[in-house]
Amino acid sequence: MYRAGVLEHELESVMFGHIGNNHIH
């Protein structure tokens, strides 16, 4: 969902963080 959203809206982004807790920034 995150990946599709930033691509659709042509936004620059980075994703990182606490994936063990399903908690990505």
mmCIF file of all heavy atoms, coordinates in Angstrom:
data_MODEL
# 
_entry.id   MODEL 
# 
loop_
_atom_site.group_PDB 
_atom_site.id 
_atom_site.type_symbol 
_atom_site.label_atom_id 
_atom_site.label_alt_id 
_atom_site.label_comp_id 
_atom_site.label_asym_id 
_atom_site.label_entity_id 
_atom_site.label_seq_id 
_atom_site.pdbx_PDB_ins_code 
_atom_site.Cartn_x 
_atom_site.Cartn_y 
_atom_site.Cartn_z 
_atom_site.occupancy 
_atom_site.B_iso_or_equiv 
_atom_site.pdbx_formal_charge 
_atom_site.auth_seq_id 
_atom_site.auth_comp_id 
_atom_site.auth_asym_id 
_atom_site.auth_atom_id 
_atom_site.pdbx_PDB_model_num 
ATOM 1   N N   . MET A 1 1  ? 0.837  -1.206 0.000   1.00 0.00 ? 1  MET A N   1 
ATOM 2   C CA  . MET A 1 1  ? 0.000  0.000  0.000   1.00 0.00 ? 1  MET A CA  1 
ATOM 3   C C   . MET A 1 1  ? 0.870  1.254  0.000   1.00 0.00 ? 1  MET A C   1 
ATOM 4   O O   . MET A 1 1  ? 0.626  2.204  -0.763  1.00 0.00 ? 1  MET A O   1 
ATOM 5   C CB  . MET A 1 1  ? -0.923 -0.011 1.223   1.00 0.00 ? 1  MET A CB  1 
ATOM 6   C CG  . MET A 1 1  ? -1.760 1.243  1.372   1.00 0.00 ? 1  MET A CG  1 
ATOM 7   S SD  . MET A 1 1  ? -2.839 1.203  2.846   1.00 0.00 ? 1  MET A SD  1 
ATOM 8   C CE  . MET A 1 1  ? -1.617 1.394  4.172   1.00 0.00 ? 1  MET A CE  1 
ATOM 9   N N   . TYR A 1 2  ? 1.884  1.269  0.856   1.00 0.00 ? 2  TYR A N   1 
ATOM 10  C CA  . TYR A 1 2  ? 2.775  2.433  0.917   1.00 0.00 ? 2  TYR A CA  1 
ATOM 11  C C   . TYR A 1 2  ? 3.481  2.637  -0.431  1.00 0.00 ? 2  TYR A C   1 
ATOM 12  O O   . TYR A 1 2  ? 3.543  3.758  -0.959  1.00 0.00 ? 2  TYR A O   1 
ATOM 13  C CB  . TYR A 1 2  ? 3.833  2.243  1.999   1.00 0.00 ? 2  TYR A CB  1 
ATOM 14  C CG  . TYR A 1 2  ? 3.311  2.090  3.411   1.00 0.00 ? 2  TYR A CG  1 
ATOM 15  C CD1 . TYR A 1 2  ? 4.001  1.304  4.342   1.00 0.00 ? 2  TYR A CD1 1 
ATOM 16  C CD2 . TYR A 1 2  ? 2.155  2.738  3.834   1.00 0.00 ? 2  TYR A CD2 1 
ATOM 17  C CE1 . TYR A 1 2  ? 3.543  1.169  5.646   1.00 0.00 ? 2  TYR A CE1 1 
ATOM 18  C CE2 . TYR A 1 2  ? 1.688  2.603  5.125   1.00 0.00 ? 2  TYR A CE2 1 
ATOM 19  C CZ  . TYR A 1 2  ? 2.382  1.803  6.036   1.00 0.00 ? 2  TYR A CZ  1 
ATOM 20  O OH  . TYR A 1 2  ? 1.927  1.663  7.324   1.00 0.00 ? 2  TYR A OH  1 
ATOM 21  N N   . ARG A 1 3  ? 4.002  1.538  -0.968  1.00 0.00 ? 3  ARG A N   1 
ATOM 22  C CA  . ARG A 1 3  ? 4.759  1.628  -2.213  1.00 0.00 ? 3  ARG A CA  1 
ATOM 23  C C   . ARG A 1 3  ? 3.869  2.133  -3.352  1.00 0.00 ? 3  ARG A C   1 
ATOM 24  O O   . ARG A 1 3  ? 4.262  3.029  -4.117  1.00 0.00 ? 3  ARG A O   1 
ATOM 25  C CB  . ARG A 1 3  ? 5.327  0.239  -2.541  1.00 0.00 ? 3  ARG A CB  1 
ATOM 26  C CG  . ARG A 1 3  ? 6.271  0.190  -3.710  1.00 0.00 ? 3  ARG A CG  1 
ATOM 27  C CD  . ARG A 1 3  ? 7.595  0.851  -3.423  1.00 0.00 ? 3  ARG A CD  1 
ATOM 28  N NE  . ARG A 1 3  ? 8.365  0.187  -2.394  1.00 0.00 ? 3  ARG A NE  1 
ATOM 29  C CZ  . ARG A 1 3  ? 9.253  0.804  -1.626  1.00 0.00 ? 3  ARG A CZ  1 
ATOM 30  N NH1 . ARG A 1 3  ? 9.459  2.109  -1.755  1.00 0.00 ? 3  ARG A NH1 1 
ATOM 31  N NH2 . ARG A 1 3  ? 9.941  0.147  -0.713  1.00 0.00 ? 3  ARG A NH2 1 
ATOM 32  N N   . ALA A 1 4  ? 2.665  1.581  -3.467  1.00 0.00 ? 4  ALA A N   1 
ATOM 33  C CA  . ALA A 1 4  ? 1.750  1.997  -4.540  1.00 0.00 ? 4  ALA A CA  1 
ATOM 34  C C   . ALA A 1 4  ? 1.343  3.456  -4.383  1.00 0.00 ? 4  ALA A C   1 
ATOM 35  O O   . ALA A 1 4  ? 1.238  4.196  -5.375  1.00 0.00 ? 4  ALA A O   1 
ATOM 36  C CB  . ALA A 1 4  ? 0.513  1.103  -4.536  1.00 0.00 ? 4  ALA A CB  1 
ATOM 37  N N   . GLY A 1 5  ? 1.133  3.896  -3.148  1.00 0.00 ? 5  GLY A N   1 
ATOM 38  C CA  . GLY A 1 5  ? 0.683  5.262  -2.916  1.00 0.00 ? 5  GLY A CA  1 
ATOM 39  C C   . GLY A 1 5  ? 1.700  6.304  -3.340  1.00 0.00 ? 5  GLY A C   1 
ATOM 40  O O   . GLY A 1 5  ? 1.358  7.281  -4.020  1.00 0.00 ? 5  GLY A O   1 
ATOM 41  N N   . VAL A 1 6  ? 2.966  6.116  -2.965  1.00 0.00 ? 6  VAL A N   1 
ATOM 42  C CA  . VAL A 1 6  ? 3.977  7.126  -3.325  1.00 0.00 ? 6  VAL A CA  1 
ATOM 43  C C   . VAL A 1 6  ? 4.250  7.116  -4.825  1.00 0.00 ? 6  VAL A C   1 
ATOM 44  O O   . VAL A 1 6  ? 4.511  8.175  -5.426  1.00 0.00 ? 6  VAL A O   1 
ATOM 45  C CB  . VAL A 1 6  ? 5.284  6.929  -2.524  1.00 0.00 ? 6  VAL A CB  1 
ATOM 46  C CG1 . VAL A 1 6  ? 5.056  7.203  -1.049  1.00 0.00 ? 6  VAL A CG1 1 
ATOM 47  C CG2 . VAL A 1 6  ? 5.883  5.541  -2.721  1.00 0.00 ? 6  VAL A CG2 1 
ATOM 48  N N   . LEU A 1 7  ? 4.144  5.934  -5.460  1.00 0.00 ? 7  LEU A N   1 
ATOM 49  C CA  . LEU A 1 7  ? 4.331  5.885  -6.911  1.00 0.00 ? 7  LEU A CA  1 
ATOM 50  C C   . LEU A 1 7  ? 3.190  6.588  -7.637  1.00 0.00 ? 7  LEU A C   1 
ATOM 51  O O   . LEU A 1 7  ? 3.408  7.378  -8.559  1.00 0.00 ? 7  LEU A O   1 
ATOM 52  C CB  . LEU A 1 7  ? 4.424  4.423  -7.372  1.00 0.00 ? 7  LEU A CB  1 
ATOM 53  C CG  . LEU A 1 7  ? 5.733  3.696  -7.058  1.00 0.00 ? 7  LEU A CG  1 
ATOM 54  C CD1 . LEU A 1 7  ? 5.618  2.221  -7.404  1.00 0.00 ? 7  LEU A CD1 1 
ATOM 55  C CD2 . LEU A 1 7  ? 6.902  4.334  -7.813  1.00 0.00 ? 7  LEU A CD2 1 
ATOM 56  N N   . GLU A 1 8  ? 1.958  6.310  -7.210  1.00 0.00 ? 8  GLU A N   1 
ATOM 57  C CA  . GLU A 1 8  ? 0.790  6.918  -7.849  1.00 0.00 ? 8  GLU A CA  1 
ATOM 58  C C   . GLU A 1 8  ? 0.807  8.433  -7.743  1.00 0.00 ? 8  GLU A C   1 
ATOM 59  O O   . GLU A 1 8  ? 0.450  9.148  -8.688  1.00 0.00 ? 8  GLU A O   1 
ATOM 60  C CB  . GLU A 1 8  ? -0.492 6.362  -7.227  1.00 0.00 ? 8  GLU A CB  1 
ATOM 61  C CG  . GLU A 1 8  ? -1.764 6.933  -7.831  1.00 0.00 ? 8  GLU A CG  1 
ATOM 62  C CD  . GLU A 1 8  ? -3.020 6.461  -7.117  1.00 0.00 ? 8  GLU A CD  1 
ATOM 63  O OE1 . GLU A 1 8  ? -2.941 5.509  -6.298  1.00 0.00 ? 8  GLU A OE1 1 
ATOM 64  O OE2 . GLU A 1 8  ? -4.084 7.064  -7.366  1.00 0.00 ? 8  GLU A OE2 1 
ATOM 65  N N   . HIS A 1 9  ? 1.236  8.923  -6.581  1.00 0.00 ? 9  HIS A N   1 
ATOM 66  C CA  . HIS A 1 9  ? 1.213  10.381 -6.349  1.00 0.00 ? 9  HIS A CA  1 
ATOM 67  C C   . HIS A 1 9  ? 2.542  11.049 -6.684  1.00 0.00 ? 9  HIS A C   1 
ATOM 68  O O   . HIS A 1 9  ? 2.719  12.243 -6.420  1.00 0.00 ? 9  HIS A O   1 
ATOM 69  C CB  . HIS A 1 9  ? 0.820  10.658 -4.895  1.00 0.00 ? 9  HIS A CB  1 
ATOM 70  C CG  . HIS A 1 9  ? -0.604 10.296 -4.593  1.00 0.00 ? 9  HIS A CG  1 
ATOM 71  N ND1 . HIS A 1 9  ? -1.643 11.171 -4.764  1.00 0.00 ? 9  HIS A ND1 1 
ATOM 72  C CD2 . HIS A 1 9  ? -1.152 9.135  -4.141  1.00 0.00 ? 9  HIS A CD2 1 
ATOM 73  C CE1 . HIS A 1 9  ? -2.789 10.590 -4.425  1.00 0.00 ? 9  HIS A CE1 1 
ATOM 74  N NE2 . HIS A 1 9  ? -2.516 9.347  -4.041  1.00 0.00 ? 9  HIS A NE2 1 
ATOM 75  N N   . GLU A 1 10 ? 3.471  10.261 -7.239  1.00 0.00 ? 10 GLU A N   1 
ATOM 76  C CA  . GLU A 1 10 ? 4.768  10.779 -7.704  1.00 0.00 ? 10 GLU A CA  1 
ATOM 77  C C   . GLU A 1 10 ? 5.489  11.547 -6.596  1.00 0.00 ? 10 GLU A C   1 
ATOM 78  O O   . GLU A 1 10 ? 5.932  12.683 -6.770  1.00 0.00 ? 10 GLU A O   1 
ATOM 79  C CB  . GLU A 1 10 ? 4.575  11.663 -8.937  1.00 0.00 ? 10 GLU A CB  1 
ATOM 80  C CG  . GLU A 1 10 ? 3.968  10.922 -10.115 1.00 0.00 ? 10 GLU A CG  1 
ATOM 81  C CD  . GLU A 1 10 ? 3.770  11.805 -11.333 1.00 0.00 ? 10 GLU A CD  1 
ATOM 82  O OE1 . GLU A 1 10 ? 3.580  13.037 -11.169 1.00 0.00 ? 10 GLU A OE1 1 
ATOM 83  O OE2 . GLU A 1 10 ? 3.796  11.280 -12.446 1.00 0.00 ? 10 GLU A OE2 1 
ATOM 84  N N   . LEU A 1 11 ? 5.627  10.866 -5.449  1.00 0.00 ? 11 LEU A N   1 
ATOM 85  C CA  . LEU A 1 11 ? 6.271  11.467 -4.289  1.00 0.00 ? 11 LEU A CA  1 
ATOM 86  C C   . LEU A 1 11 ? 7.583  10.757 -3.977  1.00 0.00 ? 11 LEU A C   1 
ATOM 87  O O   . LEU A 1 11 ? 7.692  9.541  -4.123  1.00 0.00 ? 11 LEU A O   1 
ATOM 88  C CB  . LEU A 1 11 ? 5.346  11.381 -3.065  1.00 0.00 ? 11 LEU A CB  1 
ATOM 89  C CG  . LEU A 1 11 ? 4.064  12.205 -3.153  1.00 0.00 ? 11 LEU A CG  1 
ATOM 90  C CD1 . LEU A 1 11 ? 3.088  11.789 -2.057  1.00 0.00 ? 11 LEU A CD1 1 
ATOM 91  C CD2 . LEU A 1 11 ? 4.375  13.698 -3.054  1.00 0.00 ? 11 LEU A CD2 1 
ATOM 92  N N   . GLU A 1 12 ? 8.562  11.531 -3.552  1.00 0.00 ? 12 GLU A N   1 
ATOM 93  C CA  . GLU A 1 12 ? 9.834  10.958 -3.101  1.00 0.00 ? 12 GLU A CA  1 
ATOM 94  C C   . GLU A 1 12 ? 9.655  10.437 -1.678  1.00 0.00 ? 12 GLU A C   1 
ATOM 95  O O   . GLU A 1 12 ? 9.019  11.086 -0.844  1.00 0.00 ? 12 GLU A O   1 
ATOM 96  C CB  . GLU A 1 12 ? 10.931 12.019 -3.140  1.00 0.00 ? 12 GLU A CB  1 
ATOM 97  C CG  . GLU A 1 12 ? 12.300 11.481 -2.799  1.00 0.00 ? 12 GLU A CG  1 
ATOM 98  C CD  . GLU A 1 12 ? 13.376 12.555 -2.821  1.00 0.00 ? 12 GLU A CD  1 
ATOM 99  O OE1 . GLU A 1 12 ? 13.078 13.718 -3.179  1.00 0.00 ? 12 GLU A OE1 1 
ATOM 100 O OE2 . GLU A 1 12 ? 14.527 12.231 -2.464  1.00 0.00 ? 12 GLU A OE2 1 
ATOM 101 N N   . SER A 1 13 ? 10.219 9.277  -1.405  1.00 0.00 ? 13 SER A N   1 
ATOM 102 C CA  . SER A 1 13 ? 10.048 8.722  -0.055  1.00 0.00 ? 13 SER A CA  1 
ATOM 103 C C   . SER A 1 13 ? 11.186 7.772  0.285   1.00 0.00 ? 13 SER A C   1 
ATOM 104 O O   . SER A 1 13 ? 11.929 7.313  -0.594  1.00 0.00 ? 13 SER A O   1 
ATOM 105 C CB  . SER A 1 13 ? 8.720  7.947  0.038   1.00 0.00 ? 13 SER A CB  1 
ATOM 106 O OG  . SER A 1 13 ? 8.814  6.741  -0.696  1.00 0.00 ? 13 SER A OG  1 
ATOM 107 N N   . VAL A 1 14 ? 11.307 7.475  1.558   1.00 0.00 ? 14 VAL A N   1 
ATOM 108 C CA  . VAL A 1 14 ? 12.157 6.383  2.049   1.00 0.00 ? 14 VAL A CA  1 
ATOM 109 C C   . VAL A 1 14 ? 11.322 5.587  3.048   1.00 0.00 ? 14 VAL A C   1 
ATOM 110 O O   . VAL A 1 14 ? 10.466 6.136  3.739   1.00 0.00 ? 14 VAL A O   1 
ATOM 111 C CB  . VAL A 1 14 ? 13.461 6.874  2.710   1.00 0.00 ? 14 VAL A CB  1 
ATOM 112 C CG1 . VAL A 1 14 ? 14.338 7.593  1.710   1.00 0.00 ? 14 VAL A CG1 1 
ATOM 113 C CG2 . VAL A 1 14 ? 13.163 7.775  3.909   1.00 0.00 ? 14 VAL A CG2 1 
ATOM 114 N N   . MET A 1 15 ? 11.574 4.279  3.121   1.00 0.00 ? 15 MET A N   1 
ATOM 115 C CA  . MET A 1 15 ? 10.910 3.409  4.097   1.00 0.00 ? 15 MET A CA  1 
ATOM 116 C C   . MET A 1 15 ? 11.977 2.722  4.930   1.00 0.00 ? 15 MET A C   1 
ATOM 117 O O   . MET A 1 15 ? 12.931 2.155  4.382   1.00 0.00 ? 15 MET A O   1 
ATOM 118 C CB  . MET A 1 15 ? 10.076 2.331  3.413   1.00 0.00 ? 15 MET A CB  1 
ATOM 119 C CG  . MET A 1 15 ? 8.807  2.793  2.783   1.00 0.00 ? 15 MET A CG  1 
ATOM 120 S SD  . MET A 1 15 ? 7.801  1.328  2.358   1.00 0.00 ? 15 MET A SD  1 
ATOM 121 C CE  . MET A 1 15 ? 7.084  1.875  0.831   1.00 0.00 ? 15 MET A CE  1 
ATOM 122 N N   . PHE A 1 16 ? 11.803 2.764  6.239   1.00 0.00 ? 16 PHE A N   1 
ATOM 123 C CA  . PHE A 1 16 ? 12.767 2.128  7.130   1.00 0.00 ? 16 PHE A CA  1 
ATOM 124 C C   . PHE A 1 16 ? 12.099 1.892  8.479   1.00 0.00 ? 16 PHE A C   1 
ATOM 125 O O   . PHE A 1 16 ? 11.022 2.404  8.757   1.00 0.00 ? 16 PHE A O   1 
ATOM 126 C CB  . PHE A 1 16 ? 14.008 3.018  7.317   1.00 0.00 ? 16 PHE A CB  1 
ATOM 127 C CG  . PHE A 1 16 ? 13.709 4.352  7.950   1.00 0.00 ? 16 PHE A CG  1 
ATOM 128 C CD1 . PHE A 1 16 ? 13.801 4.524  9.318   1.00 0.00 ? 16 PHE A CD1 1 
ATOM 129 C CD2 . PHE A 1 16 ? 13.299 5.432  7.175   1.00 0.00 ? 16 PHE A CD2 1 
ATOM 130 C CE1 . PHE A 1 16 ? 13.499 5.747  9.909   1.00 0.00 ? 16 PHE A CE1 1 
ATOM 131 C CE2 . PHE A 1 16 ? 13.004 6.662  7.753   1.00 0.00 ? 16 PHE A CE2 1 
ATOM 132 C CZ  . PHE A 1 16 ? 13.108 6.815  9.128   1.00 0.00 ? 16 PHE A CZ  1 
ATOM 133 N N   . GLY A 1 17 ? 12.763 1.108  9.319   1.00 0.00 ? 17 GLY A N   1 
ATOM 134 C CA  . GLY A 1 17 ? 12.287 1.010  10.692  1.00 0.00 ? 17 GLY A CA  1 
ATOM 135 C C   . GLY A 1 17 ? 12.007 -0.383 11.176  1.00 0.00 ? 17 GLY A C   1 
ATOM 136 O O   . GLY A 1 17 ? 12.563 -1.365 10.687  1.00 0.00 ? 17 GLY A O   1 
ATOM 137 N N   . HIS A 1 18 ? 11.086 -0.457 12.116  1.00 0.00 ? 18 HIS A N   1 
ATOM 138 C CA  . HIS A 1 18 ? 10.933 -1.600 13.011  1.00 0.00 ? 18 HIS A CA  1 
ATOM 139 C C   . HIS A 1 18 ? 10.027 -2.669 12.405  1.00 0.00 ? 18 HIS A C   1 
ATOM 140 O O   . HIS A 1 18 ? 8.934  -2.948 12.903  1.00 0.00 ? 18 HIS A O   1 
ATOM 141 C CB  . HIS A 1 18 ? 10.389 -1.116 14.349  1.00 0.00 ? 18 HIS A CB  1 
ATOM 142 C CG  . HIS A 1 18 ? 11.033 0.168  14.819  1.00 0.00 ? 18 HIS A CG  1 
ATOM 143 N ND1 . HIS A 1 18 ? 12.398 0.302  14.934  1.00 0.00 ? 18 HIS A ND1 1 
ATOM 144 C CD2 . HIS A 1 18 ? 10.503 1.364  15.189  1.00 0.00 ? 18 HIS A CD2 1 
ATOM 145 C CE1 . HIS A 1 18 ? 12.678 1.525  15.359  1.00 0.00 ? 18 HIS A CE1 1 
ATOM 146 N NE2 . HIS A 1 18 ? 11.552 2.193  15.513  1.00 0.00 ? 18 HIS A NE2 1 
ATOM 147 N N   . ILE A 1 19 ? 10.511 -3.298 11.359  1.00 0.00 ? 19 ILE A N   1 
ATOM 148 C CA  . ILE A 1 19 ? 9.694  -4.254 10.609  1.00 0.00 ? 19 ILE A CA  1 
ATOM 149 C C   . ILE A 1 19 ? 9.350  -5.478 11.446  1.00 0.00 ? 19 ILE A C   1 
ATOM 150 O O   . ILE A 1 19 ? 8.335  -6.134 11.224  1.00 0.00 ? 19 ILE A O   1 
ATOM 151 C CB  . ILE A 1 19 ? 10.405 -4.649 9.300   1.00 0.00 ? 19 ILE A CB  1 
ATOM 152 C CG1 . ILE A 1 19 ? 9.429  -5.321 8.328   1.00 0.00 ? 19 ILE A CG1 1 
ATOM 153 C CG2 . ILE A 1 19 ? 11.628 -5.516 9.571   1.00 0.00 ? 19 ILE A CG2 1 
ATOM 154 C CD1 . ILE A 1 19 ? 9.984  -5.490 6.927   1.00 0.00 ? 19 ILE A CD1 1 
ATOM 155 N N   . GLY A 1 20 ? 10.167 -5.786 12.457  1.00 0.00 ? 20 GLY A N   1 
ATOM 156 C CA  . GLY A 1 20 ? 9.858  -6.905 13.347  1.00 0.00 ? 20 GLY A CA  1 
ATOM 157 C C   . GLY A 1 20 ? 8.524  -6.723 14.048  1.00 0.00 ? 20 GLY A C   1 
ATOM 158 O O   . GLY A 1 20 ? 7.804  -7.692 14.310  1.00 0.00 ? 20 GLY A O   1 
ATOM 159 N N   . ASN A 1 21 ? 8.171  -5.473 14.341  1.00 0.00 ? 21 ASN A N   1 
ATOM 160 C CA  . ASN A 1 21 ? 6.884  -5.133 14.961  1.00 0.00 ? 21 ASN A CA  1 
ATOM 161 C C   . ASN A 1 21 ? 5.850  -4.695 13.926  1.00 0.00 ? 21 ASN A C   1 
ATOM 162 O O   . ASN A 1 21 ? 4.834  -4.088 14.290  1.00 0.00 ? 21 ASN A O   1 
ATOM 163 C CB  . ASN A 1 21 ? 7.050  -3.987 15.978  1.00 0.00 ? 21 ASN A CB  1 
ATOM 164 C CG  . ASN A 1 21 ? 7.886  -4.369 17.172  1.00 0.00 ? 21 ASN A CG  1 
ATOM 165 O OD1 . ASN A 1 21 ? 8.975  -3.832 17.352  1.00 0.00 ? 21 ASN A OD1 1 
ATOM 166 N ND2 . ASN A 1 21 ? 7.404  -5.277 17.999  1.00 0.00 ? 21 ASN A ND2 1 
ATOM 167 N N   . ASN A 1 22 ? 6.112  -4.943 12.636  1.00 0.00 ? 22 ASN A N   1 
ATOM 168 C CA  . ASN A 1 22 ? 5.212  -4.486 11.560  1.00 0.00 ? 22 ASN A CA  1 
ATOM 169 C C   . ASN A 1 22 ? 5.019  -2.971 11.620  1.00 0.00 ? 22 ASN A C   1 
ATOM 170 O O   . ASN A 1 22 ? 3.929  -2.460 11.371  1.00 0.00 ? 22 ASN A O   1 
ATOM 171 C CB  . ASN A 1 22 ? 3.849  -5.183 11.653  1.00 0.00 ? 22 ASN A CB  1 
ATOM 172 C CG  . ASN A 1 22 ? 3.984  -6.667 11.809  1.00 0.00 ? 22 ASN A CG  1 
ATOM 173 O OD1 . ASN A 1 22 ? 4.589  -7.334 10.975  1.00 0.00 ? 22 ASN A OD1 1 
ATOM 174 N ND2 . ASN A 1 22 ? 3.448  -7.202 12.894  1.00 0.00 ? 22 ASN A ND2 1 
ATOM 175 N N   . HIS A 1 23 ? 6.096  -2.293 11.946  1.00 0.00 ? 23 HIS A N   1 
ATOM 176 C CA  . HIS A 1 23 ? 6.048  -0.852 12.223  1.00 0.00 ? 23 HIS A CA  1 
ATOM 177 C C   . HIS A 1 23 ? 7.131  -0.189 11.375  1.00 0.00 ? 23 HIS A C   1 
ATOM 178 O O   . HIS A 1 23 ? 8.287  -0.091 11.778  1.00 0.00 ? 23 HIS A O   1 
ATOM 179 C CB  . HIS A 1 23 ? 6.287  -0.636 13.723  1.00 0.00 ? 23 HIS A CB  1 
ATOM 180 C CG  . HIS A 1 23 ? 6.504  0.789  14.115  1.00 0.00 ? 23 HIS A CG  1 
ATOM 181 N ND1 . HIS A 1 23 ? 7.264  1.144  15.223  1.00 0.00 ? 23 HIS A ND1 1 
ATOM 182 C CD2 . HIS A 1 23 ? 6.069  1.943  13.579  1.00 0.00 ? 23 HIS A CD2 1 
ATOM 183 C CE1 . HIS A 1 23 ? 7.292  2.441  15.336  1.00 0.00 ? 23 HIS A CE1 1 
ATOM 184 N NE2 . HIS A 1 23 ? 6.571  2.954  14.347  1.00 0.00 ? 23 HIS A NE2 1 
ATOM 185 N N   . ILE A 1 24 ? 6.742  0.231  10.183  1.00 0.00 ? 24 ILE A N   1 
ATOM 186 C CA  . ILE A 1 24 ? 7.687  0.840  9.244   1.00 0.00 ? 24 ILE A CA  1 
ATOM 187 C C   . ILE A 1 24 ? 7.387  2.330  9.124   1.00 0.00 ? 24 ILE A C   1 
ATOM 188 O O   . ILE A 1 24 ? 6.242  2.739  8.948   1.00 0.00 ? 24 ILE A O   1 
ATOM 189 C CB  . ILE A 1 24 ? 7.589  0.160  7.864   1.00 0.00 ? 24 ILE A CB  1 
ATOM 190 C CG1 . ILE A 1 24 ? 8.112  -1.277 7.969   1.00 0.00 ? 24 ILE A CG1 1 
ATOM 191 C CG2 . ILE A 1 24 ? 8.374  0.933  6.815   1.00 0.00 ? 24 ILE A CG2 1 
ATOM 192 C CD1 . ILE A 1 24 ? 7.976  -2.059 6.694   1.00 0.00 ? 24 ILE A CD1 1 
ATOM 193 N N   . HIS A 1 25 ? 8.451  3.127  9.196   1.00 0.00 ? 25 HIS A N   1 
ATOM 194 C CA  . HIS A 1 25 ? 8.310  4.564  8.986   1.00 0.00 ? 25 HIS A CA  1 
ATOM 195 C C   . HIS A 1 25 ? 8.431  4.856  7.492   1.00 0.00 ? 25 HIS A C   1 
ATOM 196 O O   . HIS A 1 25 ? 9.439  4.531  6.871   1.00 0.00 ? 25 HIS A O   1 
ATOM 197 C CB  . HIS A 1 25 ? 9.413  5.333  9.726   1.00 0.00 ? 25 HIS A CB  1 
ATOM 198 C CG  . HIS A 1 25 ? 9.397  5.154  11.203  1.00 0.00 ? 25 HIS A CG  1 
ATOM 199 N ND1 . HIS A 1 25 ? 8.318  5.527  11.987  1.00 0.00 ? 25 HIS A ND1 1 
ATOM 200 C CD2 . HIS A 1 25 ? 10.311 4.646  12.055  1.00 0.00 ? 25 HIS A CD2 1 
ATOM 201 C CE1 . HIS A 1 25 ? 8.585  5.257  13.252  1.00 0.00 ? 25 HIS A CE1 1 
ATOM 202 N NE2 . HIS A 1 25 ? 9.790  4.720  13.325  1.00 0.00 ? 25 HIS A NE2 1 
# 
